C-alpha atoms as a PDB file:
ATOM      1  CA  MET A   1     176.928  60.669  73.460  1.00  0.00           C
ATOM      2  CA  THR A   2     176.549  61.992  77.048  1.00  0.00           C
ATOM      3  CA  GLY A   3     173.332  63.095  78.097  1.00  0.00           C
ATOM      4  CA  ARG A   4     171.799  62.222  74.357  1.00  0.00           C
ATOM      5  CA  ALA A   5     169.819  59.470  72.941  1.00  0.00           C
ATOM      6  CA  ALA A   6     170.971  58.973  69.502  1.00  0.00           C
ATOM      7  CA  SER A   7     169.171  56.697  66.936  1.00  0.00           C
ATOM      8  CA  ARG A   8     169.922  55.650  62.981  1.00  0.00           C
ATOM      9  CA  ARG A   9     167.273  56.220  60.830  1.00  0.00           C
ATOM     10  CA  SER A  10     168.454  55.880  56.900  1.00  0.00           C
ATOM     11  CA  GLY A  11     171.711  56.632  57.520  1.00  0.00           C
ATOM     12  CA  THR A  12     171.603  59.869  59.479  1.00  0.00           C
ATOM     13  CA  VAL A  13     172.281  60.347  63.192  1.00  0.00           C
ATOM     14  CA  VAL A  14     169.171  62.219  65.273  1.00  0.00           C
ATOM     15  CA  ALA A  15     169.995  63.531  68.530  1.00  0.00           C
ATOM     16  CA  SER A  16     167.377  64.424  70.982  1.00  0.00           C
ATOM     17  CA  ARG A  17     167.017  65.235  74.145  1.00  0.00           C
ATOM     18  CA  PRO A  18     165.109  63.269  76.903  1.00  0.00           C
ATOM     19  CA  GLY A  19     162.005  64.391  77.812  1.00  0.00           C
ATOM     20  CA  VAL A  20     160.912  67.119  74.902  1.00  0.00           C
ATOM     21  CA  SER A  21     159.088  66.654  72.075  1.00  0.00           C
ATOM     22  CA  ARG A  22     159.480  68.148  68.672  1.00  0.00           C
ATOM     23  CA  THR A  23     155.735  69.329  69.261  1.00  0.00           C
ATOM     24  CA  SER A  24     156.289  71.373  72.499  1.00  0.00           C
ATOM     25  CA  GLY A  25     160.005  72.733  70.229  1.00  0.00           C
ATOM     26  CA  VAL A  26     157.139  73.525  67.404  1.00  0.00           C
ATOM     27  CA  PHE A  27     155.042  75.106  70.246  1.00  0.00           C
ATOM     28  CA  VAL A  28     157.815  77.059  71.439  1.00  0.00           C
ATOM     29  CA  VAL A  29     158.816  78.876  68.414  1.00  0.00           C
ATOM     30  CA  LEU A  30     154.885  79.424  68.004  1.00  0.00           C
ATOM     31  CA  ALA A  31     154.963  81.322  70.641  1.00  0.00           C
ATOM     32  CA  LEU A  32     157.582  83.537  70.405  1.00  0.00           C
ATOM     33  CA  ALA A  33     156.320  84.669  67.178  1.00  0.00           C
ATOM     34  CA  ALA A  34     153.249  85.358  68.266  1.00  0.00           C
ATOM     35  CA  ALA A  35     155.015  87.480  71.165  1.00  0.00           C
ATOM     36  CA  ALA A  36     157.299  89.289  68.576  1.00  0.00           C
ATOM     37  CA  ALA A  37     154.166  89.909  66.268  1.00  0.00           C
ATOM     38  CA  GLY A  38     152.159  91.412  68.827  1.00  0.00           C
ATOM     39  CA  CYS A  39     155.051  93.852  69.403  1.00  0.00           C
ATOM     40  CA  ALA A  40     155.036  95.038  66.127  1.00  0.00           C
ATOM     41  CA  ASP A  41     154.333  99.194  65.473  1.00  0.00           C
ATOM     42  CA  THR A  42     151.614  98.971  63.073  1.00  0.00           C
ATOM     43  CA  PRO A  43     148.377 100.538  63.774  1.00  0.00           C
ATOM     44  CA  ALA A  44     145.382  97.857  63.100  1.00  0.00           C
ATOM     45  CA  ARG A  45     143.048  98.402  60.709  1.00  0.00           C
ATOM     46  CA  GLY A  46     140.384 100.771  61.012  1.00  0.00           C
ATOM     47  CA  ARG A  47     142.187 102.483  64.085  1.00  0.00           C
ATOM     48  CA  GLU A  48     141.904 106.080  63.995  1.00  0.00           C
ATOM     49  CA  PRO A  49     144.618 108.342  63.923  1.00  0.00           C
ATOM     50  CA  GLU A  50     146.545 109.931  67.126  1.00  0.00           C
ATOM     51  CA  PRO A  51     146.172 113.327  68.177  1.00  0.00           C
ATOM     52  CA  THR A  52     148.604 115.619  66.915  1.00  0.00           C
ATOM     53  CA  GLY A  53     150.308 118.562  69.615  1.00  0.00           C
ATOM     54  CA  VAL A  54     150.742 118.429  73.375  1.00  0.00           C
ATOM     55  CA  SER A  55     149.263 114.433  73.649  1.00  0.00           C
ATOM     56  CA  ARG A  56     152.490 113.541  71.893  1.00  0.00           C
ATOM     57  CA  THR A  57     154.320 114.905  74.606  1.00  0.00           C
ATOM     58  CA  LEU A  58     152.123 113.015  77.096  1.00  0.00           C
ATOM     59  CA  ASN A  59     151.361 110.285  77.953  1.00  0.00           C
ATOM     60  CA  LEU A  60     147.297 109.782  77.256  1.00  0.00           C
ATOM     61  CA  SER A  61     147.572 106.055  75.833  1.00  0.00           C
ATOM     62  CA  GLY A  62     145.569 104.560  78.460  1.00  0.00           C
ATOM     63  CA  PHE A  63     142.439 107.104  77.561  1.00  0.00           C
ATOM     64  CA  PRO A  64     140.049 106.704  74.437  1.00  0.00           C
ATOM     65  CA  VAL A  65     140.478 108.454  71.817  1.00  0.00           C
ATOM     66  CA  GLU A  66     137.601 110.891  72.420  1.00  0.00           C
ATOM     67  CA  TYR A  67     139.404 111.919  75.286  1.00  0.00           C
ATOM     68  CA  ARG A  68     142.556 112.451  73.742  1.00  0.00           C
ATOM     69  CA  ARG A  69     141.047 114.768  70.796  1.00  0.00           C
ATOM     70  CA  ALA A  70     139.019 116.878  73.131  1.00  0.00           C
ATOM     71  CA  PHE A  71     142.428 117.218  75.556  1.00  0.00           C
ATOM     72  CA  GLU A  72     143.896 119.082  71.858  1.00  0.00           C
ATOM     73  CA  ASP A  73     140.721 120.844  71.813  1.00  0.00           C
ATOM     74  CA  GLY A  74     141.113 121.914  75.085  1.00  0.00           C
ATOM     75  CA  CYS A  75     144.803 122.874  75.466  1.00  0.00           C
ATOM     76  CA  THR A  76     144.593 124.902  71.741  1.00  0.00           C
ATOM     77  CA  ALA A  77     141.017 126.676  73.087  1.00  0.00           C
ATOM     78  CA  ALA A  78     143.671 127.578  76.583  1.00  0.00           C
ATOM     79  CA  LYS A  79     146.176 129.022  74.679  1.00  0.00           C
ATOM     80  CA  ARG A  80     143.546 131.121  72.405  1.00  0.00           C
ATOM     81  CA  ASN A  81     141.528 131.683  75.787  1.00  0.00           C
ATOM     82  CA  ASN A  82     138.714 130.714  74.308  1.00  0.00           C
ATOM     83  CA  PRO A  83     136.556 128.740  76.808  1.00  0.00           C
ATOM     84  CA  ALA A  84     133.236 129.238  74.466  1.00  0.00           C
ATOM     85  CA  SER A  85     134.467 126.318  72.319  1.00  0.00           C
ATOM     86  CA  ARG A  86     134.064 123.371  75.843  1.00  0.00           C
ATOM     87  CA  PRO A  87     131.663 120.388  74.890  1.00  0.00           C
ATOM     88  CA  ARG A  88     128.369 119.968  77.223  1.00  0.00           C
ATOM     89  CA  GLY A  89     127.867 116.927  78.818  1.00  0.00           C
ATOM     90  CA  ASP A  90     130.124 115.115  80.948  1.00  0.00           C
ATOM     91  CA  GLY A  91     131.699 112.235  78.964  1.00  0.00           C
ATOM     92  CA  PRO A  92     134.858 111.493  77.853  1.00  0.00           C
ATOM     93  CA  GLU A  93     134.638 114.693  75.278  1.00  0.00           C
ATOM     94  CA  ALA A  94     134.030 116.895  77.896  1.00  0.00           C
ATOM     95  CA  GLN A  95     136.212 115.828  80.460  1.00  0.00           C
ATOM     96  CA  GLY A  96     139.341 115.534  77.954  1.00  0.00           C
ATOM     97  CA  TRP A  97     138.552 118.965  77.073  1.00  0.00           C
ATOM     98  CA  ASN A  98     138.294 120.556  80.774  1.00  0.00           C
ATOM     99  CA  ASP A  99     141.811 118.460  81.124  1.00  0.00           C
ATOM    100  CA  GLY A 100     143.402 120.229  78.573  1.00  0.00           C
ATOM    101  CA  TYR A 101     142.212 122.805  79.455  1.00  0.00           C
ATOM    102  CA  ALA A 102     143.611 123.093  82.756  1.00  0.00           C
ATOM    103  CA  TYR A 103     146.952 121.479  81.376  1.00  0.00           C
ATOM    104  CA  CYS A 104     147.851 124.405  78.964  1.00  0.00           C
ATOM    105  CA  ARG A 105     146.113 127.771  80.676  1.00  0.00           C
ATOM    106  CA  PRO A 106     148.515 130.043  81.297  1.00  0.00           C
ATOM    107  CA  ARG A 107     149.215 130.659  84.926  1.00  0.00           C
END
């Protein structure tokens, strides 16, 4: 055989590549399976559902859930011309609401 070593064990020929062990092959298969599982589109248990509406057309995936929900609320308030529903404080809820209101406000 060219480039491969062969050995006989109980009547079968086993071909192996020099420098590659069986363990490293199993490791590669497991690593690929783990990578594919990480790409699954199923939400994790205990994860809150995504807001619907305008945030479906915007990429707000890097923001916390509180921000995304408040963004939706701010957008809804802007469409109804109701700025009185703004949350108090300066946390992610208030920032998301302000951003949503500014984004959806009629110009």
